[in-house]
Amino acid sequence: MKSKTAREVALDCLNSVFQSGAYANLVLPKLLSESRLDPRDTGFAQELAFATIRWKLTYDRILEEVSSRPIESIDLVLLNCLRLGSHQLLNTRVPAHAAISETVNLVRQHCGEKVVGFANGILRSISRNSFNGWLESITKNRSQIESLSLRYSHPERIVLALKQSLAVDGLEGDLEDLLAINNAAPRVNMVALPGLAD
């Protein structure tokens, strides 16, 4: 049996989360254990899965900008591939040609040849702008709450609730910093090694 790549593991995680409502922090360790990826690829799979989920709202809006059809009509597995490709193009150091090529291979393998051209066109369109450029494009002419929701990939109701909570303490000006910090990947401070700590 062919072993899975980091991208395939990340896709399996996204499919579990968005198809079955699974929790990424519970499903991904099992997928990684089964995949037997080396430590570097394990880290890459984790980054792809967790960051793509974290930025889903923003990536979906960008995908809507470049897609010829509504994203609700796109098969979920294909959409998850496109989300992974978007993350690689916009928020990693993966070269654009590699991100597009590897994502198209993922699409071909998991969705079939019929949608490869569509996926390739979407990814090439996304690659023509930087993440900040896309943020400017998708937030243009929107309210503050809508704009912050898209800029930091938080549902509008969460942005509004945080704004109201901060206002109680006179900290309204900290809203954008709070949203940004909430998107930062956590730093590992301590690790319990199996057999040495519990």
C-alpha atoms as a PDB file:
ATOM      1  CA  MET A   1       0.000   0.000   0.000  1.00  0.00           C
ATOM      2  CA  LYS A   2       1.349   3.410  -1.033  1.00  0.00           C
ATOM      3  CA  SER A   3       2.093   5.682   1.907  1.00  0.00           C
ATOM      4  CA  LYS A   4       0.286   9.005   2.081  1.00  0.00           C
ATOM      5  CA  THR A   5       1.903  12.390   1.576  1.00  0.00           C
ATOM      6  CA  ALA A   6       1.603  15.310   3.984  1.00  0.00           C
ATOM      7  CA  ARG A   7      -0.936  16.933   1.640  1.00  0.00           C
ATOM      8  CA  GLU A   8      -3.062  13.785   1.526  1.00  0.00           C
ATOM      9  CA  VAL A   9      -3.065  13.551   5.318  1.00  0.00           C
ATOM     10  CA  ALA A  10      -4.087  17.206   5.564  1.00  0.00           C
ATOM     11  CA  LEU A  11      -6.858  16.607   3.004  1.00  0.00           C
ATOM     12  CA  ASP A  12      -8.113  13.583   4.963  1.00  0.00           C
ATOM     13  CA  CYS A  13      -8.243  15.775   8.064  1.00  0.00           C
ATOM     14  CA  LEU A  14     -10.180  18.531   6.269  1.00  0.00           C
ATOM     15  CA  ASN A  15     -12.602  15.997   4.820  1.00  0.00           C
ATOM     16  CA  SER A  16     -13.254  14.560   8.294  1.00  0.00           C
ATOM     17  CA  VAL A  17     -13.788  18.024   9.765  1.00  0.00           C
ATOM     18  CA  PHE A  18     -16.038  19.433   7.040  1.00  0.00           C
ATOM     19  CA  GLN A  19     -17.898  16.232   6.082  1.00  0.00           C
ATOM     20  CA  SER A  20     -18.370  14.600   9.477  1.00  0.00           C
ATOM     21  CA  GLY A  21     -17.903  17.437  11.953  1.00  0.00           C
ATOM     22  CA  ALA A  22     -14.811  15.792  13.447  1.00  0.00           C
ATOM     23  CA  TYR A  23     -12.436  17.764  15.651  1.00  0.00           C
ATOM     24  CA  ALA A  24      -9.122  18.366  13.878  1.00  0.00           C
ATOM     25  CA  ASN A  25      -7.097  18.080  17.091  1.00  0.00           C
ATOM     26  CA  LEU A  26      -8.530  14.581  17.636  1.00  0.00           C
ATOM     27  CA  VAL A  27      -8.530  13.213  14.091  1.00  0.00           C
ATOM     28  CA  LEU A  28      -5.162  14.531  12.869  1.00  0.00           C
ATOM     29  CA  PRO A  29      -2.936  12.683  15.397  1.00  0.00           C
ATOM     30  CA  LYS A  30      -4.568   9.389  14.367  1.00  0.00           C
ATOM     31  CA  LEU A  31      -4.070  10.172  10.671  1.00  0.00           C
ATOM     32  CA  LEU A  32      -0.430  11.112  11.287  1.00  0.00           C
ATOM     33  CA  SER A  33       0.202   7.953  13.271  1.00  0.00           C
ATOM     34  CA  GLU A  34      -1.250   5.804  10.487  1.00  0.00           C
ATOM     35  CA  SER A  35       0.697   7.672   7.795  1.00  0.00           C
ATOM     36  CA  ARG A  36       4.140   7.202   9.361  1.00  0.00           C
ATOM     37  CA  LEU A  37       5.380  10.455   7.849  1.00  0.00           C
ATOM     38  CA  ASP A  38       8.862  11.641   8.800  1.00  0.00           C
ATOM     39  CA  PRO A  39       8.983  14.489  11.360  1.00  0.00           C
ATOM     40  CA  ARG A  40       9.373  17.227   8.734  1.00  0.00           C
ATOM     41  CA  ASP A  41       6.370  16.030   6.713  1.00  0.00           C
ATOM     42  CA  THR A  42       4.389  15.552   9.917  1.00  0.00           C
ATOM     43  CA  GLY A  43       4.952  19.229  10.743  1.00  0.00           C
ATOM     44  CA  PHE A  44       3.972  20.232   7.201  1.00  0.00           C
ATOM     45  CA  ALA A  45       0.752  18.172   7.376  1.00  0.00           C
ATOM     46  CA  GLN A  46      -0.138  19.787  10.706  1.00  0.00           C
ATOM     47  CA  GLU A  47       0.526  23.285   9.359  1.00  0.00           C
ATOM     48  CA  LEU A  48      -1.543  22.625   6.244  1.00  0.00           C
ATOM     49  CA  ALA A  49      -4.496  21.143   8.118  1.00  0.00           C
ATOM     50  CA  PHE A  50      -4.722  23.489  11.107  1.00  0.00           C
ATOM     51  CA  ALA A  51      -3.934  26.698   9.212  1.00  0.00           C
ATOM     52  CA  THR A  52      -6.312  25.891   6.352  1.00  0.00           C
ATOM     53  CA  ILE A  53      -9.106  25.299   8.859  1.00  0.00           C
ATOM     54  CA  ARG A  54      -8.186  28.486  10.726  1.00  0.00           C
ATOM     55  CA  TRP A  55      -8.296  30.581   7.519  1.00  0.00           C
ATOM     56  CA  LYS A  56     -11.271  28.787   5.899  1.00  0.00           C
ATOM     57  CA  LEU A  57     -13.629  31.773   5.935  1.00  0.00           C
ATOM     58  CA  THR A  58     -11.080  34.023   4.211  1.00  0.00           C
ATOM     59  CA  TYR A  59      -9.980  31.396   1.687  1.00  0.00           C
ATOM     60  CA  ASP A  60     -13.602  30.632   0.798  1.00  0.00           C
ATOM     61  CA  ARG A  61     -14.242  34.308   0.059  1.00  0.00           C
ATOM     62  CA  ILE A  62     -11.130  34.455  -2.151  1.00  0.00           C
ATOM     63  CA  LEU A  63     -12.253  31.288  -3.938  1.00  0.00           C
ATOM     64  CA  GLU A  64     -15.649  32.921  -4.557  1.00  0.00           C
ATOM     65  CA  GLU A  65     -13.850  35.849  -6.191  1.00  0.00           C
ATOM     66  CA  VAL A  66     -12.103  33.652  -8.777  1.00  0.00           C
ATOM     67  CA  SER A  67     -14.570  30.806  -9.278  1.00  0.00           C
ATOM     68  CA  SER A  68     -16.951  30.712 -12.204  1.00  0.00           C
ATOM     69  CA  ARG A  69     -19.497  28.974  -9.997  1.00  0.00           C
ATOM     70  CA  PRO A  70     -20.666  29.418  -6.386  1.00  0.00           C
ATOM     71  CA  ILE A  71     -18.485  27.530  -3.951  1.00  0.00           C
ATOM     72  CA  GLU A  72     -21.597  25.906  -2.448  1.00  0.00           C
ATOM     73  CA  SER A  73     -21.932  24.003  -5.735  1.00  0.00           C
ATOM     74  CA  ILE A  74     -18.336  22.704  -5.655  1.00  0.00           C
ATOM     75  CA  ASP A  75     -17.878  19.125  -4.446  1.00  0.00           C
ATOM     76  CA  LEU A  76     -16.600  19.246  -0.858  1.00  0.00           C
ATOM     77  CA  VAL A  77     -13.463  17.171  -1.486  1.00  0.00           C
ATOM     78  CA  LEU A  78     -12.546  19.414  -4.432  1.00  0.00           C
ATOM     79  CA  LEU A  79     -13.253  22.497  -2.313  1.00  0.00           C
ATOM     80  CA  ASN A  80     -10.982  21.161   0.440  1.00  0.00           C
ATOM     81  CA  CYS A  81      -8.221  20.612  -2.138  1.00  0.00           C
ATOM     82  CA  LEU A  82      -8.651  24.217  -3.305  1.00  0.00           C
ATOM     83  CA  ARG A  83      -8.531  25.462   0.290  1.00  0.00           C
ATOM     84  CA  LEU A  84      -5.269  23.581   0.831  1.00  0.00           C
ATOM     85  CA  GLY A  85      -3.883  25.002  -2.411  1.00  0.00           C
ATOM     86  CA  SER A  86      -4.947  28.508  -1.415  1.00  0.00           C
ATOM     87  CA  HIS A  87      -3.123  28.212   1.884  1.00  0.00           C
ATOM     88  CA  GLN A  88       0.062  27.015   0.205  1.00  0.00           C
ATOM     89  CA  LEU A  89      -0.088  29.847  -2.334  1.00  0.00           C
ATOM     90  CA  LEU A  90      -0.929  32.637   0.082  1.00  0.00           C
ATOM     91  CA  ASN A  91       0.517  31.780   3.479  1.00  0.00           C
ATOM     92  CA  THR A  92       3.451  29.389   3.112  1.00  0.00           C
ATOM     93  CA  ARG A  93       6.893  29.471   1.534  1.00  0.00           C
ATOM     94  CA  VAL A  94       5.920  26.749  -0.951  1.00  0.00           C
ATOM     95  CA  PRO A  95       6.764  28.073  -4.454  1.00  0.00           C
ATOM     96  CA  ALA A  96       3.638  28.835  -6.497  1.00  0.00           C
ATOM     97  CA  HIS A  97       4.482  26.306  -9.228  1.00  0.00           C
ATOM     98  CA  ALA A  98       4.870  23.536  -6.634  1.00  0.00           C
ATOM     99  CA  ALA A  99       1.714  24.510  -4.749  1.00  0.00           C
ATOM    100  CA  ILE A 100      -0.316  24.482  -7.969  1.00  0.00           C
ATOM    101  CA  SER A 101       1.231  21.266  -9.309  1.00  0.00           C
ATOM    102  CA  GLU A 102       0.859  19.322  -6.057  1.00  0.00           C
ATOM    103  CA  THR A 103      -2.702  20.540  -5.496  1.00  0.00           C
ATOM    104  CA  VAL A 104      -3.681  19.635  -9.061  1.00  0.00           C
ATOM    105  CA  ASN A 105      -2.219  16.149  -8.465  1.00  0.00           C
ATOM    106  CA  LEU A 106      -4.310  15.903  -5.288  1.00  0.00           C
ATOM    107  CA  VAL A 107      -7.410  16.930  -7.256  1.00  0.00           C
ATOM    108  CA  ARG A 108      -6.649  14.412 -10.001  1.00  0.00           C
ATOM    109  CA  GLN A 109      -6.187  11.611  -7.462  1.00  0.00           C
ATOM    110  CA  HIS A 110      -9.196  12.383  -5.236  1.00  0.00           C
ATOM    111  CA  CYS A 111     -11.698  14.088  -7.556  1.00  0.00           C
ATOM    112  CA  GLY A 112     -10.930  12.805 -11.043  1.00  0.00           C
ATOM    113  CA  GLU A 113      -9.568  14.176 -14.289  1.00  0.00           C
ATOM    114  CA  LYS A 114     -12.804  15.993 -15.178  1.00  0.00           C
ATOM    115  CA  VAL A 115     -12.234  18.845 -12.683  1.00  0.00           C
ATOM    116  CA  VAL A 116      -8.457  19.224 -13.078  1.00  0.00           C
ATOM    117  CA  GLY A 117      -8.741  22.131 -15.548  1.00  0.00           C
ATOM    118  CA  PHE A 118     -11.184  23.957 -13.267  1.00  0.00           C
ATOM    119  CA  ALA A 119      -8.886  23.532 -10.245  1.00  0.00           C
ATOM    120  CA  ASN A 120      -5.811  24.581 -12.213  1.00  0.00           C
ATOM    121  CA  GLY A 121      -7.558  27.764 -13.400  1.00  0.00           C
ATOM    122  CA  ILE A 122      -8.708  28.652  -9.877  1.00  0.00           C
ATOM    123  CA  LEU A 123      -5.247  28.165  -8.387  1.00  0.00           C
ATOM    124  CA  ARG A 124      -3.519  30.145 -11.139  1.00  0.00           C
ATOM    125  CA  SER A 125      -5.946  33.022 -10.583  1.00  0.00           C
ATOM    126  CA  ILE A 126      -5.266  32.990  -6.841  1.00  0.00           C
ATOM    127  CA  SER A 127      -1.500  32.955  -7.434  1.00  0.00           C
ATOM    128  CA  ARG A 128      -1.687  36.280  -9.312  1.00  0.00           C
ATOM    129  CA  ASN A 129      -2.158  38.230  -6.072  1.00  0.00           C
ATOM    130  CA  SER A 130      -0.543  38.197  -2.624  1.00  0.00           C
ATOM    131  CA  PHE A 131      -2.469  37.410   0.546  1.00  0.00           C
ATOM    132  CA  ASN A 132      -2.523  41.112   1.484  1.00  0.00           C
ATOM    133  CA  GLY A 133      -3.636  41.988  -2.033  1.00  0.00           C
ATOM    134  CA  TRP A 134      -6.522  39.546  -1.753  1.00  0.00           C
ATOM    135  CA  LEU A 135      -7.463  40.932   1.669  1.00  0.00           C
ATOM    136  CA  GLU A 136      -7.685  44.413   0.167  1.00  0.00           C
ATOM    137  CA  SER A 137      -9.832  43.088  -2.671  1.00  0.00           C
ATOM    138  CA  ILE A 138     -12.314  41.081  -0.596  1.00  0.00           C
ATOM    139  CA  THR A 139     -12.779  43.726   2.130  1.00  0.00           C
ATOM    140  CA  LYS A 140     -13.329  46.688  -0.191  1.00  0.00           C
ATOM    141  CA  ASN A 141     -16.590  48.600   0.497  1.00  0.00           C
ATOM    142  CA  ARG A 142     -17.538  46.445   3.473  1.00  0.00           C
ATOM    143  CA  SER A 143     -18.523  47.425   7.004  1.00  0.00           C
ATOM    144  CA  GLN A 144     -15.929  47.286   9.776  1.00  0.00           C
ATOM    145  CA  ILE A 145     -17.335  44.022  11.157  1.00  0.00           C
ATOM    146  CA  GLU A 146     -17.536  42.371   7.703  1.00  0.00           C
ATOM    147  CA  SER A 147     -14.043  43.560   6.852  1.00  0.00           C
ATOM    148  CA  LEU A 148     -12.501  42.303  10.093  1.00  0.00           C
ATOM    149  CA  SER A 149     -14.370  39.011   9.712  1.00  0.00           C
ATOM    150  CA  LEU A 150     -12.791  38.407   6.302  1.00  0.00           C
ATOM    151  CA  ARG A 151      -9.391  39.874   7.161  1.00  0.00           C
ATOM    152  CA  TYR A 152      -8.969  37.622  10.219  1.00  0.00           C
ATOM    153  CA  SER A 153     -11.224  34.680   9.280  1.00  0.00           C
ATOM    154  CA  HIS A 154     -13.593  35.004  12.226  1.00  0.00           C
ATOM    155  CA  PRO A 155     -17.396  34.783  11.862  1.00  0.00           C
ATOM    156  CA  GLU A 156     -19.046  38.206  12.043  1.00  0.00           C
ATOM    157  CA  ARG A 157     -20.939  37.248  15.215  1.00  0.00           C
ATOM    158  CA  ILE A 158     -17.612  36.469  16.956  1.00  0.00           C
ATOM    159  CA  VAL A 159     -16.061  39.768  15.820  1.00  0.00           C
ATOM    160  CA  LEU A 160     -19.106  41.643  17.108  1.00  0.00           C
ATOM    161  CA  ALA A 161     -19.099  39.774  20.436  1.00  0.00           C
ATOM    162  CA  LEU A 162     -15.388  40.489  20.955  1.00  0.00           C
ATOM    163  CA  LYS A 163     -15.903  44.142  20.070  1.00  0.00           C
ATOM    164  CA  GLN A 164     -18.722  44.455  22.612  1.00  0.00           C
ATOM    165  CA  SER A 165     -16.709  42.657  25.302  1.00  0.00           C
ATOM    166  CA  LEU A 166     -13.695  44.915  24.783  1.00  0.00           C
ATOM    167  CA  ALA A 167     -15.915  48.009  24.826  1.00  0.00           C
ATOM    168  CA  VAL A 168     -17.049  47.169  28.367  1.00  0.00           C
ATOM    169  CA  ASP A 169     -13.459  47.734  29.534  1.00  0.00           C
ATOM    170  CA  GLY A 170     -12.780  50.635  27.174  1.00  0.00           C
ATOM    171  CA  LEU A 171     -10.475  48.508  25.013  1.00  0.00           C
ATOM    172  CA  GLU A 172     -12.260  48.822  21.640  1.00  0.00           C
ATOM    173  CA  GLY A 173      -8.965  49.805  20.002  1.00  0.00           C
ATOM    174  CA  ASP A 174      -7.514  46.360  20.782  1.00  0.00           C
ATOM    175  CA  LEU A 175     -10.028  44.440  18.649  1.00  0.00           C
ATOM    176  CA  GLU A 176      -7.802  43.999  15.601  1.00  0.00           C
ATOM    177  CA  ASP A 177      -4.818  42.959  17.754  1.00  0.00           C
ATOM    178  CA  LEU A 178      -6.990  40.376  19.517  1.00  0.00           C
ATOM    179  CA  LEU A 179      -8.199  38.925  16.209  1.00  0.00           C
ATOM    180  CA  ALA A 180      -4.626  38.753  14.891  1.00  0.00           C
ATOM    181  CA  ILE A 181      -3.324  37.051  18.041  1.00  0.00           C
ATOM    182  CA  ASN A 182      -6.191  34.576  17.910  1.00  0.00           C
ATOM    183  CA  ASN A 183      -4.939  33.490  14.460  1.00  0.00           C
ATOM    184  CA  ALA A 184      -1.307  33.038  15.483  1.00  0.00           C
ATOM    185  CA  ALA A 185      -0.147  29.430  15.629  1.00  0.00           C
ATOM    186  CA  PRO A 186       0.566  28.471  19.240  1.00  0.00           C
ATOM    187  CA  ARG A 187       4.191  28.046  20.276  1.00  0.00           C
ATOM    188  CA  VAL A 188       5.125  24.784  21.954  1.00  0.00           C
ATOM    189  CA  ASN A 189       6.311  25.479  25.497  1.00  0.00           C
ATOM    190  CA  MET A 190       6.428  21.993  26.949  1.00  0.00           C
ATOM    191  CA  VAL A 191       6.133  18.494  25.559  1.00  0.00           C
ATOM    192  CA  ALA A 192       5.352  15.362  27.584  1.00  0.00           C
ATOM    193  CA  LEU A 193       7.400  12.517  26.136  1.00  0.00           C
ATOM    194  CA  PRO A 194       5.653   9.111  26.253  1.00  0.00           C
ATOM    195  CA  GLY A 195       7.237   6.922  28.881  1.00  0.00           C
ATOM    196  CA  LEU A 196       9.116   9.833  30.461  1.00  0.00           C
ATOM    197  CA  ALA A 197       6.199  12.035  31.525  1.00  0.00           C
ATOM    198  CA  ASP A 198       2.459  11.765  31.794  1.00  0.00           C
END
